[in-house]
Amino acid sequence: MREKTIEFTGYPSGDHEAFCFDVDKDDFRLITGRKPNKFDRAVFSKGMYMIYPSDLLEGLTEADKKYKFEISIKIIEEGGAS
């Protein structure tokens, strides 16, 4: 397993769709607090649903506030031990 942690400060850009992640239904509900609908279905990953940066920031964004972001990324190899 490879791992990378990035920490930075910044402002939400407001475009809300710079990138998205495809997640399963359980993670979608956990992150957004709601059931996915047909418009949330992932385009390229069958059975998955899209979340956007705005979903991760829900309830946190206020105009002229600066935020500290810490993102930890773990790459888990298919079939490999973690």
C-alpha atoms as a PDB file:
ATOM      1  CA  MET A   1       0.000   0.000   0.000  1.00  0.00           C
ATOM      2  CA  ARG A   2       1.221   3.471  -0.872  1.00  0.00           C
ATOM      3  CA  GLU A   3       0.084   6.530   1.058  1.00  0.00           C
ATOM      4  CA  LYS A   4       0.200  10.287   0.576  1.00  0.00           C
ATOM      5  CA  THR A   5      -1.001  13.016   2.923  1.00  0.00           C
ATOM      6  CA  ILE A   6      -1.426  16.589   1.738  1.00  0.00           C
ATOM      7  CA  GLU A   7      -2.212  19.576   3.959  1.00  0.00           C
ATOM      8  CA  PHE A   8      -3.044  23.037   2.615  1.00  0.00           C
ATOM      9  CA  THR A   9      -5.153  26.119   3.297  1.00  0.00           C
ATOM     10  CA  GLY A  10      -7.495  27.685   0.798  1.00  0.00           C
ATOM     11  CA  TYR A  11     -10.930  28.950  -0.122  1.00  0.00           C
ATOM     12  CA  PRO A  12     -13.634  26.868  -1.828  1.00  0.00           C
ATOM     13  CA  SER A  13     -13.600  27.995  -5.473  1.00  0.00           C
ATOM     14  CA  GLY A  14     -17.344  27.907  -5.964  1.00  0.00           C
ATOM     15  CA  ASP A  15     -17.351  25.855  -9.174  1.00  0.00           C
ATOM     16  CA  HIS A  16     -18.301  22.716  -7.149  1.00  0.00           C
ATOM     17  CA  GLU A  17     -17.526  20.324 -10.004  1.00  0.00           C
ATOM     18  CA  ALA A  18     -13.762  20.505 -10.513  1.00  0.00           C
ATOM     19  CA  PHE A  19     -13.603  16.736  -9.949  1.00  0.00           C
ATOM     20  CA  CYS A  20     -15.746  13.974  -8.545  1.00  0.00           C
ATOM     21  CA  PHE A  21     -15.307  10.570  -6.952  1.00  0.00           C
ATOM     22  CA  ASP A  22     -17.361   7.447  -7.630  1.00  0.00           C
ATOM     23  CA  VAL A  23     -18.415   5.812  -4.357  1.00  0.00           C
ATOM     24  CA  ASP A  24     -20.755   3.013  -3.340  1.00  0.00           C
ATOM     25  CA  LYS A  25     -24.263   3.684  -2.019  1.00  0.00           C
ATOM     26  CA  ASP A  26     -23.280   3.370   1.663  1.00  0.00           C
ATOM     27  CA  ASP A  27     -20.434   5.879   1.349  1.00  0.00           C
ATOM     28  CA  PHE A  28     -22.687   8.212  -0.662  1.00  0.00           C
ATOM     29  CA  ARG A  29     -25.244   8.218   2.169  1.00  0.00           C
ATOM     30  CA  LEU A  30     -22.530   8.685   4.804  1.00  0.00           C
ATOM     31  CA  ILE A  31     -21.008  11.674   2.989  1.00  0.00           C
ATOM     32  CA  THR A  32     -24.169  13.421   1.737  1.00  0.00           C
ATOM     33  CA  GLY A  33     -26.684  12.381   4.391  1.00  0.00           C
ATOM     34  CA  ARG A  34     -29.235  11.338   1.770  1.00  0.00           C
ATOM     35  CA  LYS A  35     -30.161   8.494  -0.566  1.00  0.00           C
ATOM     36  CA  PRO A  36     -28.722   8.801  -4.085  1.00  0.00           C
ATOM     37  CA  ASN A  37     -31.097   9.471  -6.972  1.00  0.00           C
ATOM     38  CA  LYS A  38     -30.807   8.720 -10.699  1.00  0.00           C
ATOM     39  CA  PHE A  39     -28.835  11.925 -11.310  1.00  0.00           C
ATOM     40  CA  ASP A  40     -26.166  10.826  -8.796  1.00  0.00           C
ATOM     41  CA  ARG A  41     -25.321   7.643 -10.707  1.00  0.00           C
ATOM     42  CA  ALA A  42     -21.715   7.423 -11.831  1.00  0.00           C
ATOM     43  CA  VAL A  43     -21.140   7.706 -15.560  1.00  0.00           C
ATOM     44  CA  PHE A  44     -18.161   5.357 -15.829  1.00  0.00           C
ATOM     45  CA  SER A  45     -18.426   3.045 -12.783  1.00  0.00           C
ATOM     46  CA  LYS A  46     -21.434   0.724 -12.801  1.00  0.00           C
ATOM     47  CA  GLY A  47     -23.300   0.578  -9.491  1.00  0.00           C
ATOM     48  CA  MET A  48     -21.495   3.617  -8.076  1.00  0.00           C
ATOM     49  CA  TYR A  49     -22.561   7.205  -7.304  1.00  0.00           C
ATOM     50  CA  MET A  50     -20.784  10.529  -7.770  1.00  0.00           C
ATOM     51  CA  ILE A  51     -19.782  12.892  -4.976  1.00  0.00           C
ATOM     52  CA  TYR A  52     -18.253  16.340  -5.493  1.00  0.00           C
ATOM     53  CA  PRO A  53     -16.077  18.631  -3.368  1.00  0.00           C
ATOM     54  CA  SER A  54     -19.214  20.542  -2.380  1.00  0.00           C
ATOM     55  CA  ASP A  55     -20.573  17.319  -0.820  1.00  0.00           C
ATOM     56  CA  LEU A  56     -17.476  17.090   1.382  1.00  0.00           C
ATOM     57  CA  LEU A  57     -17.837  20.741   2.453  1.00  0.00           C
ATOM     58  CA  GLU A  58     -21.590  20.675   3.088  1.00  0.00           C
ATOM     59  CA  GLY A  59     -22.435  22.839   6.099  1.00  0.00           C
ATOM     60  CA  LEU A  60     -18.917  24.250   6.375  1.00  0.00           C
ATOM     61  CA  THR A  61     -18.637  26.847   3.629  1.00  0.00           C
ATOM     62  CA  GLU A  62     -19.095  30.496   4.503  1.00  0.00           C
ATOM     63  CA  ALA A  63     -18.102  33.463   2.365  1.00  0.00           C
ATOM     64  CA  ASP A  64     -14.668  34.972   3.123  1.00  0.00           C
ATOM     65  CA  LYS A  65     -13.613  32.122   5.425  1.00  0.00           C
ATOM     66  CA  LYS A  66     -10.304  30.358   4.884  1.00  0.00           C
ATOM     67  CA  TYR A  67     -10.165  26.598   5.489  1.00  0.00           C
ATOM     68  CA  LYS A  68      -7.402  24.155   6.318  1.00  0.00           C
ATOM     69  CA  PHE A  69      -7.655  20.921   4.330  1.00  0.00           C
ATOM     70  CA  GLU A  70      -5.920  17.673   5.183  1.00  0.00           C
ATOM     71  CA  ILE A  71      -6.341  14.863   2.702  1.00  0.00           C
ATOM     72  CA  SER A  72      -4.959  11.390   3.236  1.00  0.00           C
ATOM     73  CA  ILE A  73      -4.852   9.148   0.178  1.00  0.00           C
ATOM     74  CA  LYS A  74      -4.161   5.420   0.482  1.00  0.00           C
ATOM     75  CA  ILE A  75      -3.658   3.349  -2.630  1.00  0.00           C
ATOM     76  CA  ILE A  76      -4.621  -0.237  -1.965  1.00  0.00           C
ATOM     77  CA  GLU A  77      -3.376  -2.664  -4.590  1.00  0.00           C
ATOM     78  CA  GLU A  78      -5.973  -5.129  -5.912  1.00  0.00           C
ATOM     79  CA  GLY A  79      -5.546  -8.514  -4.281  1.00  0.00           C
ATOM     80  CA  GLY A  80      -2.553  -7.341  -2.260  1.00  0.00           C
ATOM     81  CA  ALA A  81      -2.133  -7.305   1.492  1.00  0.00           C
ATOM     82  CA  SER A  82      -2.498  -3.928   3.198  1.00  0.00           C
END
